[in-house]
Amino acid sequence: MLNKKIIRKNFSRGAASYDGSAEIQNLVVEKLAAMAKKIIKPNNKILDLGSGSSFIAKKINEKNLEIYEIDLALNMLKSWQDRPKNIFAIEGDMENLPF
């Protein structure tokens, strides 16, 4: 079984350098964002589970979207200093959504 406290701690600790070493995640996000842009409609609400350092939101953000990012590691969410007002960071567990 996964120990989410350890996962949260490790990702929070590595948040500052995560983007620079997440090469595979960057490649996956490029493809995912290209696919998502084809189906996202104006005024959609997007839920990004395990959003990390906002890779996806940064790629698909448009002012008419609402993007809700959920991640266990608060420091990963805090890594985007200039988060737009239409993107909401929520510290939480995708298996126990805080809604």
PDB file of N, CA and C in Angstrom:
ATOM      1  N   MET A   1       0.838  -1.185   0.000  1.00  0.00           N
ATOM      2  CA  MET A   1       0.000   0.000   0.000  1.00  0.00           C
ATOM      3  C   MET A   1       0.883   1.249   0.000  1.00  0.00           C
ATOM      4  N   LEU A   2       0.452   2.262  -0.714  1.00  0.00           N
ATOM      5  CA  LEU A   2       1.199   3.510  -0.793  1.00  0.00           C
ATOM      6  C   LEU A   2       1.091   4.285   0.516  1.00  0.00           C
ATOM      7  N   ASN A   3       2.214   4.827   0.933  1.00  0.00           N
ATOM      8  CA  ASN A   3       2.218   5.691   2.109  1.00  0.00           C
ATOM      9  C   ASN A   3       2.170   7.133   1.612  1.00  0.00           C
ATOM     10  N   LYS A   4       1.000   7.712   1.621  1.00  0.00           N
ATOM     11  CA  LYS A   4       0.803   9.042   1.051  1.00  0.00           C
ATOM     12  C   LYS A   4       1.539  10.128   1.821  1.00  0.00           C
ATOM     13  N   LYS A   5       1.783   9.913   3.087  1.00  0.00           N
ATOM     14  CA  LYS A   5       2.559  10.895   3.853  1.00  0.00           C
ATOM     15  C   LYS A   5       3.985  10.971   3.317  1.00  0.00           C
ATOM     16  N   ILE A   6       4.556   9.847   2.985  1.00  0.00           N
ATOM     17  CA  ILE A   6       5.915   9.820   2.429  1.00  0.00           C
ATOM     18  C   ILE A   6       5.919  10.430   1.035  1.00  0.00           C
ATOM     19  N   ILE A   7       4.927  10.095   0.235  1.00  0.00           N
ATOM     20  CA  ILE A   7       4.823  10.662  -1.115  1.00  0.00           C
ATOM     21  C   ILE A   7       4.706  12.182  -1.026  1.00  0.00           C
ATOM     22  N   ARG A   8       3.807  12.667  -0.178  1.00  0.00           N
ATOM     23  CA  ARG A   8       3.619  14.117  -0.001  1.00  0.00           C
ATOM     24  C   ARG A   8       4.929  14.784   0.415  1.00  0.00           C
ATOM     25  N   LYS A   9       5.604  14.194   1.378  1.00  0.00           N
ATOM     26  CA  LYS A   9       6.857  14.763   1.885  1.00  0.00           C
ATOM     27  C   LYS A   9       7.920  14.807   0.797  1.00  0.00           C
ATOM     28  N   ASN A  10       8.084  13.719   0.052  1.00  0.00           N
ATOM     29  CA  ASN A  10       9.123  13.666  -0.980  1.00  0.00           C
ATOM     30  C   ASN A  10       8.847  14.629  -2.132  1.00  0.00           C
ATOM     31  N   PHE A  11       7.606  14.690  -2.582  1.00  0.00           N
ATOM     32  CA  PHE A  11       7.297  15.624  -3.670  1.00  0.00           C
ATOM     33  C   PHE A  11       7.366  17.070  -3.197  1.00  0.00           C
ATOM     34  N   SER A  12       6.958  17.346  -1.980  1.00  0.00           N
ATOM     35  CA  SER A  12       7.070  18.708  -1.448  1.00  0.00           C
ATOM     36  C   SER A  12       8.536  19.124  -1.353  1.00  0.00           C
ATOM     37  N   ARG A  13       9.366  18.205  -0.916  1.00  0.00           N
ATOM     38  CA  ARG A  13      10.795  18.497  -0.779  1.00  0.00           C
ATOM     39  C   ARG A  13      11.446  18.738  -2.143  1.00  0.00           C
ATOM     40  N   GLY A  14      11.018  18.004  -3.172  1.00  0.00           N
ATOM     41  CA  GLY A  14      11.624  18.127  -4.489  1.00  0.00           C
ATOM     42  C   GLY A  14      10.958  19.118  -5.414  1.00  0.00           C
ATOM     43  N   ALA A  15       9.957  19.837  -4.943  1.00  0.00           N
ATOM     44  CA  ALA A  15       9.175  20.732  -5.796  1.00  0.00           C
ATOM     45  C   ALA A  15      10.017  21.788  -6.508  1.00  0.00           C
ATOM     46  N   ALA A  16      10.980  22.359  -5.829  1.00  0.00           N
ATOM     47  CA  ALA A  16      11.773  23.453  -6.410  1.00  0.00           C
ATOM     48  C   ALA A  16      12.558  23.018  -7.640  1.00  0.00           C
ATOM     49  N   SER A  17      12.983  21.773  -7.689  1.00  0.00           N
ATOM     50  CA  SER A  17      13.786  21.306  -8.819  1.00  0.00           C
ATOM     51  C   SER A  17      13.044  20.333  -9.732  1.00  0.00           C
ATOM     52  N   TYR A  18      11.783  20.081  -9.449  1.00  0.00           N
ATOM     53  CA  TYR A  18      11.026  19.055 -10.171  1.00  0.00           C
ATOM     54  C   TYR A  18      10.941  19.327 -11.670  1.00  0.00           C
ATOM     55  N   ASP A  19      10.541  20.520 -12.068  1.00  0.00           N
ATOM     56  CA  ASP A  19      10.342  20.821 -13.485  1.00  0.00           C
ATOM     57  C   ASP A  19      11.594  20.579 -14.320  1.00  0.00           C
ATOM     58  N   GLY A  20      12.736  20.884 -13.765  1.00  0.00           N
ATOM     59  CA  GLY A  20      13.986  20.728 -14.502  1.00  0.00           C
ATOM     60  C   GLY A  20      14.397  19.293 -14.747  1.00  0.00           C
ATOM     61  N   SER A  21      13.850  18.366 -13.975  1.00  0.00           N
ATOM     62  CA  SER A  21      14.246  16.970 -14.142  1.00  0.00           C
ATOM     63  C   SER A  21      13.094  16.066 -14.592  1.00  0.00           C
ATOM     64  N   ALA A  22      11.965  16.620 -14.874  1.00  0.00           N
ATOM     65  CA  ALA A  22      10.784  15.828 -15.240  1.00  0.00           C
ATOM     66  C   ALA A  22      10.636  15.741 -16.758  1.00  0.00           C
ATOM     67  N   GLU A  23      11.626  15.172 -17.411  1.00  0.00           N
ATOM     68  CA  GLU A  23      11.642  15.127 -18.874  1.00  0.00           C
ATOM     69  C   GLU A  23      10.491  14.303 -19.447  1.00  0.00           C
ATOM     70  N   ILE A  24      10.254  13.135 -18.897  1.00  0.00           N
ATOM     71  CA  ILE A  24       9.179  12.288 -19.416  1.00  0.00           C
ATOM     72  C   ILE A  24       7.827  12.958 -19.197  1.00  0.00           C
ATOM     73  N   GLN A  25       7.641  13.562 -18.027  1.00  0.00           N
ATOM     74  CA  GLN A  25       6.374  14.240 -17.747  1.00  0.00           C
ATOM     75  C   GLN A  25       6.138  15.366 -18.755  1.00  0.00           C
ATOM     76  N   ASN A  26       7.193  16.093 -19.100  1.00  0.00           N
ATOM     77  CA  ASN A  26       7.056  17.167 -20.085  1.00  0.00           C
ATOM     78  C   ASN A  26       6.626  16.635 -21.448  1.00  0.00           C
ATOM     79  N   LEU A  27       7.200  15.518 -21.867  1.00  0.00           N
ATOM     80  CA  LEU A  27       6.834  14.921 -23.152  1.00  0.00           C
ATOM     81  C   LEU A  27       5.379  14.463 -23.156  1.00  0.00           C
ATOM     82  N   VAL A  28       4.968  13.826 -22.079  1.00  0.00           N
ATOM     83  CA  VAL A  28       3.586  13.353 -21.974  1.00  0.00           C
ATOM     84  C   VAL A  28       2.616  14.531 -21.975  1.00  0.00           C
ATOM     85  N   VAL A  29       2.944  15.577 -21.246  1.00  0.00           N
ATOM     86  CA  VAL A  29       2.059  16.744 -21.166  1.00  0.00           C
ATOM     87  C   VAL A  29       1.920  17.425 -22.523  1.00  0.00           C
ATOM     88  N   GLU A  30       2.977  17.488 -23.293  1.00  0.00           N
ATOM     89  CA  GLU A  30       2.890  18.092 -24.632  1.00  0.00           C
ATOM     90  C   GLU A  30       1.827  17.372 -25.462  1.00  0.00           C
ATOM     91  N   LYS A  31       1.851  16.045 -25.456  1.00  0.00           N
ATOM     92  CA  LYS A  31       0.883  15.262 -26.224  1.00  0.00           C
ATOM     93  C   LYS A  31      -0.519  15.375 -25.632  1.00  0.00           C
ATOM     94  N   LEU A  32      -0.610  15.289 -24.320  1.00  0.00           N
ATOM     95  CA  LEU A  32      -1.909  15.388 -23.660  1.00  0.00           C
ATOM     96  C   LEU A  32      -2.547  16.755 -23.905  1.00  0.00           C
ATOM     97  N   ALA A  33      -1.776  17.814 -23.802  1.00  0.00           N
ATOM     98  CA  ALA A  33      -2.298  19.167 -24.010  1.00  0.00           C
ATOM     99  C   ALA A  33      -2.783  19.347 -25.443  1.00  0.00           C
ATOM    100  N   ALA A  34      -2.049  18.818 -26.408  1.00  0.00           N
ATOM    101  CA  ALA A  34      -2.465  18.918 -27.804  1.00  0.00           C
ATOM    102  C   ALA A  34      -3.797  18.200 -28.018  1.00  0.00           C
ATOM    103  N   MET A  35      -3.965  17.037 -27.425  1.00  0.00           N
ATOM    104  CA  MET A  35      -5.223  16.294 -27.534  1.00  0.00           C
ATOM    105  C   MET A  35      -6.344  17.031 -26.812  1.00  0.00           C
ATOM    106  N   ALA A  36      -6.064  17.548 -25.621  1.00  0.00           N
ATOM    107  CA  ALA A  36      -7.082  18.231 -24.814  1.00  0.00           C
ATOM    108  C   ALA A  36      -7.589  19.490 -25.505  1.00  0.00           C
ATOM    109  N   LYS A  37      -6.697  20.238 -26.129  1.00  0.00           N
ATOM    110  CA  LYS A  37      -7.104  21.480 -26.782  1.00  0.00           C
ATOM    111  C   LYS A  37      -8.130  21.240 -27.883  1.00  0.00           C
ATOM    112  N   LYS A  38      -8.134  20.037 -28.447  1.00  0.00           N
ATOM    113  CA  LYS A  38      -9.088  19.710 -29.508  1.00  0.00           C
ATOM    114  C   LYS A  38     -10.495  19.474 -28.973  1.00  0.00           C
ATOM    115  N   ILE A  39     -10.609  19.100 -27.700  1.00  0.00           N
ATOM    116  CA  ILE A  39     -11.935  18.776 -27.163  1.00  0.00           C
ATOM    117  C   ILE A  39     -12.440  19.752 -26.099  1.00  0.00           C
ATOM    118  N   ILE A  40     -11.568  20.582 -25.576  1.00  0.00           N
ATOM    119  CA  ILE A  40     -11.987  21.559 -24.566  1.00  0.00           C
ATOM    120  C   ILE A  40     -12.802  22.660 -25.230  1.00  0.00           C
ATOM    121  N   LYS A  41     -13.922  22.959 -24.611  1.00  0.00           N
ATOM    122  CA  LYS A  41     -14.798  24.006 -25.124  1.00  0.00           C
ATOM    123  C   LYS A  41     -14.736  25.227 -24.212  1.00  0.00           C
ATOM    124  N   PRO A  42     -15.093  26.402 -24.730  1.00  0.00           N
ATOM    125  CA  PRO A  42     -15.106  27.603 -23.896  1.00  0.00           C
ATOM    126  C   PRO A  42     -15.951  27.383 -22.638  1.00  0.00           C
ATOM    127  N   ASN A  43     -15.484  27.933 -21.548  1.00  0.00           N
ATOM    128  CA  ASN A  43     -16.154  27.887 -20.246  1.00  0.00           C
ATOM    129  C   ASN A  43     -16.192  26.509 -19.599  1.00  0.00           C
ATOM    130  N   ASN A  44     -15.403  25.560 -20.111  1.00  0.00           N
ATOM    131  CA  ASN A  44     -15.307  24.248 -19.456  1.00  0.00           C
ATOM    132  C   ASN A  44     -14.624  24.387 -18.112  1.00  0.00           C
ATOM    133  N   LYS A  45     -14.930  23.449 -17.251  1.00  0.00           N
ATOM    134  CA  LYS A  45     -14.232  23.327 -15.974  1.00  0.00           C
ATOM    135  C   LYS A  45     -13.384  22.065 -16.070  1.00  0.00           C
ATOM    136  N   ILE A  46     -12.113  22.200 -15.742  1.00  0.00           N
ATOM    137  CA  ILE A  46     -11.156  21.104 -15.856  1.00  0.00           C
ATOM    138  C   ILE A  46     -10.698  20.710 -14.460  1.00  0.00           C
ATOM    139  N   LEU A  47     -10.671  19.418 -14.190  1.00  0.00           N
ATOM    140  CA  LEU A  47     -10.147  18.891 -12.937  1.00  0.00           C
ATOM    141  C   LEU A  47      -8.868  18.137 -13.260  1.00  0.00           C
ATOM    142  N   ASP A  48      -7.761  18.615 -12.727  1.00  0.00           N
ATOM    143  CA  ASP A  48      -6.447  18.009 -12.956  1.00  0.00           C
ATOM    144  C   ASP A  48      -6.009  17.297 -11.679  1.00  0.00           C
ATOM    145  N   LEU A  49      -6.111  15.985 -11.687  1.00  0.00           N
ATOM    146  CA  LEU A  49      -5.756  15.183 -10.521  1.00  0.00           C
ATOM    147  C   LEU A  49      -4.268  14.861 -10.548  1.00  0.00           C
ATOM    148  N   GLY A  50      -3.594  15.120  -9.445  1.00  0.00           N
ATOM    149  CA  GLY A  50      -2.147  14.902  -9.394  1.00  0.00           C
ATOM    150  C   GLY A  50      -1.430  15.913 -10.258  1.00  0.00           C
ATOM    151  N   SER A  51      -1.827  17.160 -10.128  1.00  0.00           N
ATOM    152  CA  SER A  51      -1.359  18.224 -11.030  1.00  0.00           C
ATOM    153  C   SER A  51       0.108  18.582 -10.888  1.00  0.00           C
ATOM    154  N   GLY A  52       0.696  18.221  -9.762  1.00  0.00           N
ATOM    155  CA  GLY A  52       2.125  18.523  -9.592  1.00  0.00           C
ATOM    156  C   GLY A  52       2.399  20.002  -9.702  1.00  0.00           C
ATOM    157  N   SER A  53       3.351  20.342 -10.544  1.00  0.00           N
ATOM    158  CA  SER A  53       3.766  21.741 -10.691  1.00  0.00           C
ATOM    159  C   SER A  53       3.053  22.442 -11.846  1.00  0.00           C
ATOM    160  N   SER A  54       1.845  21.991 -12.148  1.00  0.00           N
ATOM    161  CA  SER A  54       0.950  22.666 -13.104  1.00  0.00           C
ATOM    162  C   SER A  54       1.354  22.524 -14.563  1.00  0.00           C
ATOM    163  N   PHE A  55       2.025  21.438 -14.918  1.00  0.00           N
ATOM    164  CA  PHE A  55       2.419  21.233 -16.316  1.00  0.00           C
ATOM    165  C   PHE A  55       1.243  21.401 -17.274  1.00  0.00           C
ATOM    166  N   ILE A  56       0.145  20.715 -16.979  1.00  0.00           N
ATOM    167  CA  ILE A  56      -0.987  20.712 -17.905  1.00  0.00           C
ATOM    168  C   ILE A  56      -1.674  22.072 -17.938  1.00  0.00           C
ATOM    169  N   ALA A  57      -1.955  22.636 -16.771  1.00  0.00           N
ATOM    170  CA  ALA A  57      -2.649  23.931 -16.723  1.00  0.00           C
ATOM    171  C   ALA A  57      -1.876  25.005 -17.482  1.00  0.00           C
ATOM    172  N   LYS A  58      -0.575  24.977 -17.399  1.00  0.00           N
ATOM    173  CA  LYS A  58       0.238  25.973 -18.106  1.00  0.00           C
ATOM    174  C   LYS A  58       0.106  25.827 -19.617  1.00  0.00           C
ATOM    175  N   LYS A  59      -0.125  24.618 -20.075  1.00  0.00           N
ATOM    176  CA  LYS A  59      -0.232  24.370 -21.517  1.00  0.00           C
ATOM    177  C   LYS A  59      -1.631  24.633 -22.069  1.00  0.00           C
ATOM    178  N   ILE A  60      -2.673  24.372 -21.283  1.00  0.00           N
ATOM    179  CA  ILE A  60      -4.038  24.495 -21.816  1.00  0.00           C
ATOM    180  C   ILE A  60      -4.767  25.734 -21.331  1.00  0.00           C
ATOM    181  N   ASN A  61      -4.150  26.518 -20.466  1.00  0.00           N
ATOM    182  CA  ASN A  61      -4.849  27.650 -19.861  1.00  0.00           C
ATOM    183  C   ASN A  61      -5.341  28.653 -20.896  1.00  0.00           C
ATOM    184  N   GLU A  62      -6.598  28.951 -20.766  1.00  0.00           N
ATOM    185  CA  GLU A  62      -7.216  30.043 -21.505  1.00  0.00           C
ATOM    186  C   GLU A  62      -8.112  30.759 -20.508  1.00  0.00           C
ATOM    187  N   LYS A  63      -8.314  32.017 -20.702  1.00  0.00           N
ATOM    188  CA  LYS A  63      -9.036  32.810 -19.709  1.00  0.00           C
ATOM    189  C   LYS A  63     -10.473  32.362 -19.494  1.00  0.00           C
ATOM    190  N   ASN A  64     -11.051  31.680 -20.461  1.00  0.00           N
ATOM    191  CA  ASN A  64     -12.451  31.286 -20.296  1.00  0.00           C
ATOM    192  C   ASN A  64     -12.595  29.902 -19.661  1.00  0.00           C
ATOM    193  N   LEU A  65     -11.511  29.284 -19.207  1.00  0.00           N
ATOM    194  CA  LEU A  65     -11.562  27.990 -18.527  1.00  0.00           C
ATOM    195  C   LEU A  65     -11.422  28.185 -17.026  1.00  0.00           C
ATOM    196  N   GLU A  66     -11.973  27.243 -16.282  1.00  0.00           N
ATOM    197  CA  GLU A  66     -11.680  27.132 -14.854  1.00  0.00           C
ATOM    198  C   GLU A  66     -10.935  25.823 -14.695  1.00  0.00           C
ATOM    199  N   ILE A  67      -9.747  25.890 -14.122  1.00  0.00           N
ATOM    200  CA  ILE A  67      -8.948  24.686 -13.930  1.00  0.00           C
ATOM    201  C   ILE A  67      -8.727  24.498 -12.435  1.00  0.00           C
ATOM    202  N   TYR A  68      -9.102  23.314 -11.957  1.00  0.00           N
ATOM    203  CA  TYR A  68      -8.935  22.955 -10.553  1.00  0.00           C
ATOM    204  C   TYR A  68      -7.839  21.907 -10.473  1.00  0.00           C
ATOM    205  N   GLU A  69      -6.749  22.271  -9.823  1.00  0.00           N
ATOM    206  CA  GLU A  69      -5.610  21.376  -9.692  1.00  0.00           C
ATOM    207  C   GLU A  69      -5.588  20.778  -8.294  1.00  0.00           C
ATOM    208  N   ILE A  70      -5.476  19.464  -8.233  1.00  0.00           N
ATOM    209  CA  ILE A  70      -5.403  18.785  -6.942  1.00  0.00           C
ATOM    210  C   ILE A  70      -4.096  18.016  -6.879  1.00  0.00           C
ATOM    211  N   ASP A  71      -3.377  18.197  -5.780  1.00  0.00           N
ATOM    212  CA  ASP A  71      -2.146  17.447  -5.563  1.00  0.00           C
ATOM    213  C   ASP A  71      -1.963  17.232  -4.065  1.00  0.00           C
ATOM    214  N   LEU A  72      -1.319  16.126  -3.723  1.00  0.00           N
ATOM    215  CA  LEU A  72      -1.004  15.830  -2.321  1.00  0.00           C
ATOM    216  C   LEU A  72       0.017  16.812  -1.749  1.00  0.00           C
ATOM    217  N   ALA A  73       0.967  17.201  -2.586  1.00  0.00           N
ATOM    218  CA  ALA A  73       2.118  17.982  -2.135  1.00  0.00           C
ATOM    219  C   ALA A  73       1.876  19.483  -2.313  1.00  0.00           C
ATOM    220  N   LEU A  74       1.655  20.172  -1.229  1.00  0.00           N
ATOM    221  CA  LEU A  74       1.379  21.605  -1.271  1.00  0.00           C
ATOM    222  C   LEU A  74       2.498  22.382  -1.960  1.00  0.00           C
ATOM    223  N   ASN A  75       3.734  22.019  -1.731  1.00  0.00           N
ATOM    224  CA  ASN A  75       4.844  22.764  -2.354  1.00  0.00           C
ATOM    225  C   ASN A  75       4.856  22.620  -3.872  1.00  0.00           C
ATOM    226  N   MET A  76       4.363  21.500  -4.382  1.00  0.00           N
ATOM    227  CA  MET A  76       4.244  21.368  -5.839  1.00  0.00           C
ATOM    228  C   MET A  76       3.245  22.407  -6.347  1.00  0.00           C
ATOM    229  N   LEU A  77       2.135  22.552  -5.659  1.00  0.00           N
ATOM    230  CA  LEU A  77       1.136  23.535  -6.060  1.00  0.00           C
ATOM    231  C   LEU A  77       1.654  24.963  -5.916  1.00  0.00           C
ATOM    232  N   LYS A  78       2.454  25.197  -4.909  1.00  0.00           N
ATOM    233  CA  LYS A  78       3.001  26.539  -4.670  1.00  0.00           C
ATOM    234  C   LYS A  78       4.104  26.913  -5.655  1.00  0.00           C
ATOM    235  N   SER A  79       4.610  25.954  -6.414  1.00  0.00           N
ATOM    236  CA  SER A  79       5.741  26.241  -7.299  1.00  0.00           C
ATOM    237  C   SER A  79       5.379  27.199  -8.429  1.00  0.00           C
ATOM    238  N   TRP A  80       4.101  27.343  -8.738  1.00  0.00           N
ATOM    239  CA  TRP A  80       3.671  28.304  -9.761  1.00  0.00           C
ATOM    240  C   TRP A  80       3.331  29.605  -9.052  1.00  0.00           C
ATOM    241  N   GLN A  81       4.281  30.511  -9.048  1.00  0.00           N
ATOM    242  CA  GLN A  81       4.156  31.751  -8.292  1.00  0.00           C
ATOM    243  C   GLN A  81       3.086  32.695  -8.838  1.00  0.00           C
ATOM    244  N   ASP A  82       2.969  32.782 -10.153  1.00  0.00           N
ATOM    245  CA  ASP A  82       2.041  33.727 -10.780  1.00  0.00           C
ATOM    246  C   ASP A  82       0.802  33.016 -11.331  1.00  0.00           C
ATOM    247  N   ARG A  83       0.223  32.157 -10.511  1.00  0.00           N
ATOM    248  CA  ARG A  83      -0.941  31.368 -10.926  1.00  0.00           C
ATOM    249  C   ARG A  83      -2.083  32.319 -11.309  1.00  0.00           C
ATOM    250  N   PRO A  84      -2.631  32.150 -12.518  1.00  0.00           N
ATOM    251  CA  PRO A  84      -3.767  32.985 -12.932  1.00  0.00           C
ATOM    252  C   PRO A  84      -4.989  32.753 -12.035  1.00  0.00           C
ATOM    253  N   LYS A  85      -5.872  33.721 -12.011  1.00  0.00           N
ATOM    254  CA  LYS A  85      -7.034  33.654 -11.117  1.00  0.00           C
ATOM    255  C   LYS A  85      -8.053  32.594 -11.522  1.00  0.00           C
ATOM    256  N   ASN A  86      -7.972  32.082 -12.720  1.00  0.00           N
ATOM    257  CA  ASN A  86      -8.914  31.053 -13.176  1.00  0.00           C
ATOM    258  C   ASN A  86      -8.396  29.635 -12.907  1.00  0.00           C
ATOM    259  N   ILE A  87      -7.247  29.536 -12.240  1.00  0.00           N
ATOM    260  CA  ILE A  87      -6.673  28.236 -11.915  1.00  0.00           C
ATOM    261  C   ILE A  87      -6.573  28.135 -10.398  1.00  0.00           C
ATOM    262  N   PHE A  88      -7.218  27.121  -9.865  1.00  0.00           N
ATOM    263  CA  PHE A  88      -7.343  26.967  -8.424  1.00  0.00           C
ATOM    264  C   PHE A  88      -6.520  25.781  -7.940  1.00  0.00           C
ATOM    265  N   ALA A  89      -5.627  26.019  -7.008  1.00  0.00           N
ATOM    266  CA  ALA A  89      -4.786  24.975  -6.433  1.00  0.00           C
ATOM    267  C   ALA A  89      -5.438  24.447  -5.159  1.00  0.00           C
ATOM    268  N   ILE A  90      -5.578  23.123  -5.095  1.00  0.00           N
ATOM    269  CA  ILE A  90      -6.220  22.495  -3.957  1.00  0.00           C
ATOM    270  C   ILE A  90      -5.319  21.374  -3.461  1.00  0.00           C
ATOM    271  N   GLU A  91      -4.865  21.503  -2.222  1.00  0.00           N
ATOM    272  CA  GLU A  91      -4.095  20.415  -1.628  1.00  0.00           C
ATOM    273  C   GLU A  91      -5.073  19.316  -1.247  1.00  0.00           C
ATOM    274  N   GLY A  92      -4.890  18.142  -1.814  1.00  0.00           N
ATOM    275  CA  GLY A  92      -5.816  17.082  -1.507  1.00  0.00           C
ATOM    276  C   GLY A  92      -5.412  15.753  -2.109  1.00  0.00           C
ATOM    277  N   ASP A  93      -6.190  14.762  -1.796  1.00  0.00           N
ATOM    278  CA  ASP A  93      -5.958  13.378  -2.205  1.00  0.00           C
ATOM    279  C   ASP A  93      -7.036  12.998  -3.222  1.00  0.00           C
ATOM    280  N   MET A  94      -6.636  12.569  -4.396  1.00  0.00           N
ATOM    281  CA  MET A  94      -7.619  12.259  -5.438  1.00  0.00           C
ATOM    282  C   MET A  94      -8.521  11.077  -5.069  1.00  0.00           C
ATOM    283  N   GLU A  95      -8.104  10.287  -4.091  1.00  0.00           N
ATOM    284  CA  GLU A  95      -8.952   9.192  -3.637  1.00  0.00           C
ATOM    285  C   GLU A  95      -9.976   9.633  -2.601  1.00  0.00           C
ATOM    286  N   ASN A  96      -9.812  10.846  -2.104  1.00  0.00           N
ATOM    287  CA  ASN A  96     -10.748  11.437  -1.132  1.00  0.00           C
ATOM    288  C   ASN A  96     -10.926  12.910  -1.511  1.00  0.00           C
ATOM    289  N   LEU A  97     -11.608  13.150  -2.586  1.00  0.00           N
ATOM    290  CA  LEU A  97     -11.724  14.509  -3.100  1.00  0.00           C
ATOM    291  C   LEU A  97     -12.384  15.450  -2.091  1.00  0.00           C
ATOM    292  N   PRO A  98     -11.823  16.650  -1.962  1.00  0.00           N
ATOM    293  CA  PRO A  98     -12.341  17.615  -0.984  1.00  0.00           C
ATOM    294  C   PRO A  98     -13.533  18.425  -1.509  1.00  0.00           C
ATOM    295  N   PHE A  99     -14.444  17.776  -2.212  1.00  0.00           N
ATOM    296  CA  PHE A  99     -15.613  18.479  -2.752  1.00  0.00           C
ATOM    297  C   PHE A  99     -16.865  17.952  -2.089  1.00  0.00           C
TER     298      PHE A  99
END
